[in-house]
Amino acid sequence: MLMNDVQTYKRELVLKEQELLDLRRSLEQLDASKDELQSELDAKTEELSHARAQLDKQAREFSNVQHQISSITGKEDTIQRRLGERE
């Protein structure tokens, strides 16, 4: 009877060791997946930062163009008024 118990415990121990090994492999795969996802997140964060910088640049350029249009429109109005005064 004692030999049967020892054999049963050995089988259970082997099963537990296999389960532990499987869990370690799963953990390694999860770590690898986490690292891959972190790399992708870092790349996307960098892309977002670049896109924001481009958007800021374009917003400044648009503002400058609006200012130039306002300035030209003001000059055009002044010229039209002066021409109207001469006539």
N, C-alpha and C. Protein backbone atom coordinates (compact mmCIF):
# COMPACT_ATOMS: atom_id res chain seq x y z
N MET A 1 0.82 -1.19 0.00
CA MET A 1 0.00 0.00 0.00
C MET A 1 0.86 1.25 0.00
N LEU A 2 1.91 1.25 0.75
CA LEU A 2 2.82 2.39 0.82
C LEU A 2 3.48 2.63 -0.55
N MET A 3 3.80 1.58 -1.28
CA MET A 3 4.40 1.73 -2.61
C MET A 3 3.41 2.38 -3.57
N ASN A 4 2.14 2.00 -3.44
CA ASN A 4 1.13 2.62 -4.30
C ASN A 4 1.02 4.12 -4.01
N ASP A 5 1.06 4.46 -2.75
CA ASP A 5 1.00 5.88 -2.37
C ASP A 5 2.20 6.64 -2.91
N VAL A 6 3.36 6.03 -2.81
CA VAL A 6 4.59 6.67 -3.31
C VAL A 6 4.49 6.84 -4.83
N GLN A 7 4.02 5.85 -5.53
CA GLN A 7 3.87 5.93 -6.99
C GLN A 7 2.84 7.02 -7.36
N THR A 8 1.76 7.08 -6.61
CA THR A 8 0.74 8.10 -6.86
C THR A 8 1.31 9.49 -6.65
N TYR A 9 2.05 9.67 -5.58
CA TYR A 9 2.67 10.98 -5.31
C TYR A 9 3.69 11.34 -6.37
N LYS A 10 4.43 10.35 -6.86
CA LYS A 10 5.41 10.61 -7.92
C LYS A 10 4.70 11.07 -9.19
N ARG A 11 3.61 10.38 -9.53
CA ARG A 11 2.85 10.78 -10.73
C ARG A 11 2.29 12.19 -10.55
N GLU A 12 1.75 12.47 -9.38
CA GLU A 12 1.22 13.81 -9.11
C GLU A 12 2.33 14.86 -9.18
N LEU A 13 3.49 14.52 -8.66
CA LEU A 13 4.63 15.44 -8.70
C LEU A 13 5.05 15.71 -10.14
N VAL A 14 5.11 14.67 -10.95
CA VAL A 14 5.47 14.84 -12.36
C VAL A 14 4.43 15.74 -13.06
N LEU A 15 3.16 15.49 -12.77
CA LEU A 15 2.10 16.32 -13.36
C LEU A 15 2.22 17.78 -12.91
N LYS A 16 2.49 17.98 -11.64
CA LYS A 16 2.65 19.35 -11.12
C LYS A 16 3.87 20.02 -11.74
N GLU A 17 4.96 19.27 -11.89
CA GLU A 17 6.15 19.84 -12.52
C GLU A 17 5.87 20.21 -13.97
N GLN A 18 5.11 19.38 -14.68
CA GLN A 18 4.75 19.69 -16.06
C GLN A 18 3.85 20.92 -16.11
N GLU A 19 2.92 20.98 -15.18
CA GLU A 19 2.04 22.15 -15.10
C GLU A 19 2.84 23.41 -14.82
N LEU A 20 3.80 23.33 -13.93
CA LEU A 20 4.66 24.46 -13.61
C LEU A 20 5.48 24.87 -14.84
N LEU A 21 6.00 23.90 -15.55
CA LEU A 21 6.77 24.17 -16.77
C LEU A 21 5.88 24.85 -17.82
N ASP A 22 4.66 24.37 -17.96
CA ASP A 22 3.72 24.99 -18.91
C ASP A 22 3.40 26.43 -18.51
N LEU A 23 3.22 26.63 -17.22
CA LEU A 23 2.95 27.99 -16.74
C LEU A 23 4.14 28.92 -16.99
N ARG A 24 5.34 28.41 -16.80
CA ARG A 24 6.54 29.23 -17.07
C ARG A 24 6.62 29.59 -18.54
N ARG A 25 6.32 28.63 -19.42
CA ARG A 25 6.34 28.91 -20.86
C ARG A 25 5.28 29.96 -21.21
N SER A 26 4.10 29.80 -20.62
CA SER A 26 3.04 30.78 -20.87
C SER A 26 3.46 32.17 -20.40
N LEU A 27 4.10 32.22 -19.25
CA LEU A 27 4.58 33.50 -18.72
C LEU A 27 5.63 34.12 -19.64
N GLU A 28 6.53 33.30 -20.17
CA GLU A 28 7.54 33.80 -21.10
C GLU A 28 6.88 34.34 -22.36
N GLN A 29 5.85 33.65 -22.85
CA GLN A 29 5.14 34.12 -24.04
C GLN A 29 4.42 35.43 -23.75
N LEU A 30 3.83 35.51 -22.57
CA LEU A 30 3.16 36.76 -22.19
C LEU A 30 4.15 37.92 -22.09
N ASP A 31 5.31 37.65 -21.52
CA ASP A 31 6.35 38.68 -21.43
C ASP A 31 6.79 39.13 -22.81
N ALA A 32 6.95 38.17 -23.72
CA ALA A 32 7.36 38.51 -25.09
C ALA A 32 6.26 39.34 -25.76
N SER A 33 5.01 38.96 -25.56
CA SER A 33 3.90 39.71 -26.14
C SER A 33 3.84 41.12 -25.55
N LYS A 34 4.06 41.21 -24.24
CA LYS A 34 4.05 42.52 -23.59
C LYS A 34 5.15 43.41 -24.16
N ASP A 35 6.33 42.85 -24.36
CA ASP A 35 7.44 43.62 -24.92
C ASP A 35 7.12 44.09 -26.33
N GLU A 36 6.50 43.20 -27.11
CA GLU A 36 6.12 43.56 -28.48
C GLU A 36 5.08 44.68 -28.47
N LEU A 37 4.08 44.54 -27.61
CA LEU A 37 3.05 45.58 -27.51
C LEU A 37 3.64 46.90 -27.03
N GLN A 38 4.59 46.84 -26.10
CA GLN A 38 5.23 48.07 -25.62
C GLN A 38 6.01 48.74 -26.74
N SER A 39 6.68 47.94 -27.57
CA SER A 39 7.41 48.50 -28.70
C SER A 39 6.46 49.18 -29.68
N GLU A 40 5.33 48.52 -29.95
CA GLU A 40 4.34 49.11 -30.85
C GLU A 40 3.77 50.40 -30.25
N LEU A 41 3.49 50.38 -28.95
CA LEU A 41 2.98 51.57 -28.28
C LEU A 41 3.99 52.71 -28.36
N ASP A 42 5.26 52.40 -28.13
CA ASP A 42 6.30 53.43 -28.22
C ASP A 42 6.36 54.03 -29.62
N ALA A 43 6.27 53.17 -30.64
CA ALA A 43 6.31 53.64 -32.02
C ALA A 43 5.10 54.52 -32.32
N LYS A 44 3.93 54.10 -31.87
CA LYS A 44 2.71 54.89 -32.11
C LYS A 44 2.75 56.22 -31.35
N THR A 45 3.32 56.20 -30.16
CA THR A 45 3.46 57.43 -29.38
C THR A 45 4.38 58.41 -30.11
N GLU A 46 5.44 57.88 -30.68
CA GLU A 46 6.37 58.73 -31.44
C GLU A 46 5.68 59.28 -32.69
N GLU A 47 4.89 58.44 -33.37
CA GLU A 47 4.14 58.90 -34.54
C GLU A 47 3.16 60.00 -34.15
N LEU A 48 2.48 59.81 -33.03
CA LEU A 48 1.52 60.80 -32.55
C LEU A 48 2.21 62.13 -32.25
N SER A 49 3.37 62.05 -31.61
CA SER A 49 4.12 63.26 -31.30
C SER A 49 4.51 63.99 -32.58
N HIS A 50 4.95 63.24 -33.57
CA HIS A 50 5.33 63.83 -34.85
C HIS A 50 4.10 64.46 -35.52
N ALA A 51 2.97 63.75 -35.48
CA ALA A 51 1.74 64.28 -36.10
C ALA A 51 1.30 65.56 -35.40
N ARG A 52 1.41 65.59 -34.07
CA ARG A 52 1.04 66.81 -33.34
C ARG A 52 1.94 67.97 -33.72
N ALA A 53 3.24 67.69 -33.87
CA ALA A 53 4.18 68.75 -34.26
C ALA A 53 3.83 69.27 -35.65
N GLN A 54 3.49 68.35 -36.56
CA GLN A 54 3.11 68.76 -37.92
C GLN A 54 1.83 69.59 -37.89
N LEU A 55 0.87 69.17 -37.07
CA LEU A 55 -0.39 69.89 -36.95
C LEU A 55 -0.15 71.30 -36.41
N ASP A 56 0.70 71.41 -35.39
CA ASP A 56 1.03 72.73 -34.84
C ASP A 56 1.67 73.62 -35.89
N LYS A 57 2.57 73.05 -36.66
CA LYS A 57 3.25 73.80 -37.71
C LYS A 57 2.24 74.28 -38.76
N GLN A 58 1.35 73.39 -39.16
CA GLN A 58 0.35 73.77 -40.16
C GLN A 58 -0.62 74.81 -39.61
N ALA A 59 -0.95 74.70 -38.34
CA ALA A 59 -1.84 75.70 -37.72
C ALA A 59 -1.18 77.07 -37.72
N ARG A 60 0.12 77.11 -37.41
CA ARG A 60 0.84 78.40 -37.43
C ARG A 60 0.90 78.96 -38.85
N GLU A 61 1.17 78.08 -39.82
CA GLU A 61 1.22 78.53 -41.22
C GLU A 61 -0.15 79.06 -41.66
N PHE A 62 -1.21 78.36 -41.27
CA PHE A 62 -2.56 78.80 -41.62
C PHE A 62 -2.85 80.16 -41.01
N SER A 63 -2.46 80.34 -39.77
CA SER A 63 -2.66 81.62 -39.10
C SER A 63 -1.91 82.73 -39.83
N ASN A 64 -0.68 82.43 -40.24
CA ASN A 64 0.10 83.42 -40.99
C ASN A 64 -0.57 83.77 -42.31
N VAL A 65 -1.10 82.77 -42.99
CA VAL A 65 -1.79 83.01 -44.26
C VAL A 65 -3.03 83.86 -44.02
N GLN A 66 -3.78 83.55 -42.97
CA GLN A 66 -4.96 84.36 -42.64
C GLN A 66 -4.56 85.82 -42.39
N HIS A 67 -3.47 86.01 -41.66
CA HIS A 67 -3.00 87.36 -41.38
C HIS A 67 -2.61 88.07 -42.67
N GLN A 68 -1.93 87.37 -43.55
CA GLN A 68 -1.52 87.97 -44.82
C GLN A 68 -2.74 88.33 -45.67
N ILE A 69 -3.75 87.46 -45.66
CA ILE A 69 -4.97 87.75 -46.42
C ILE A 69 -5.66 88.98 -45.85
N SER A 70 -5.73 89.06 -44.52
CA SER A 70 -6.34 90.24 -43.90
C SER A 70 -5.57 91.50 -44.26
N SER A 71 -4.26 91.40 -44.25
CA SER A 71 -3.42 92.56 -44.58
C SER A 71 -3.64 92.98 -46.03
N ILE A 72 -3.66 92.02 -46.92
CA ILE A 72 -3.87 92.32 -48.35
C ILE A 72 -5.27 92.90 -48.56
N THR A 73 -6.26 92.32 -47.89
CA THR A 73 -7.63 92.82 -48.02
C THR A 73 -7.72 94.27 -47.52
N GLY A 74 -7.03 94.56 -46.41
CA GLY A 74 -7.02 95.93 -45.89
C GLY A 74 -6.37 96.88 -46.88
N LYS A 75 -5.27 96.47 -47.48
CA LYS A 75 -4.59 97.32 -48.46
C LYS A 75 -5.46 97.52 -49.68
N GLU A 76 -6.14 96.44 -50.10
CA GLU A 76 -7.02 96.54 -51.26
C GLU A 76 -8.17 97.51 -50.97
N ASP A 77 -8.73 97.43 -49.78
CA ASP A 77 -9.82 98.35 -49.40
C ASP A 77 -9.32 99.79 -49.42
N THR A 78 -8.12 100.01 -48.89
CA THR A 78 -7.54 101.36 -48.87
C THR A 78 -7.35 101.87 -50.29
N ILE A 79 -6.82 101.03 -51.16
CA ILE A 79 -6.60 101.44 -52.55
C ILE A 79 -7.93 101.75 -53.23
N GLN A 80 -8.93 100.91 -53.02
CA GLN A 80 -10.24 101.12 -53.62
C GLN A 80 -10.85 102.44 -53.13
N ARG A 81 -10.69 102.70 -51.83
CA ARG A 81 -11.23 103.94 -51.26
C ARG A 81 -10.52 105.16 -51.87
N ARG A 82 -9.21 105.08 -51.99
CA ARG A 82 -8.46 106.21 -52.56
C ARG A 82 -8.83 106.43 -54.02
N LEU A 83 -8.99 105.32 -54.74
CA LEU A 83 -9.40 105.45 -56.13
C LEU A 83 -10.79 106.08 -56.21
N GLY A 84 -11.65 105.69 -55.29
CA GLY A 84 -13.00 106.26 -55.27
C GLY A 84 -12.97 107.75 -54.95
N GLU A 85 -12.03 108.16 -54.09
CA GLU A 85 -11.93 109.57 -53.74
C GLU A 85 -11.41 110.38 -54.92
N ARG A 86 -10.60 109.80 -55.76
CA ARG A 86 -10.03 110.54 -56.90
C ARG A 86 -11.06 110.76 -57.99
N GLU A 87 -12.01 109.87 -58.04
CA GLU A 87 -13.00 109.99 -59.11
C GLU A 87 -14.03 110.98 -58.82
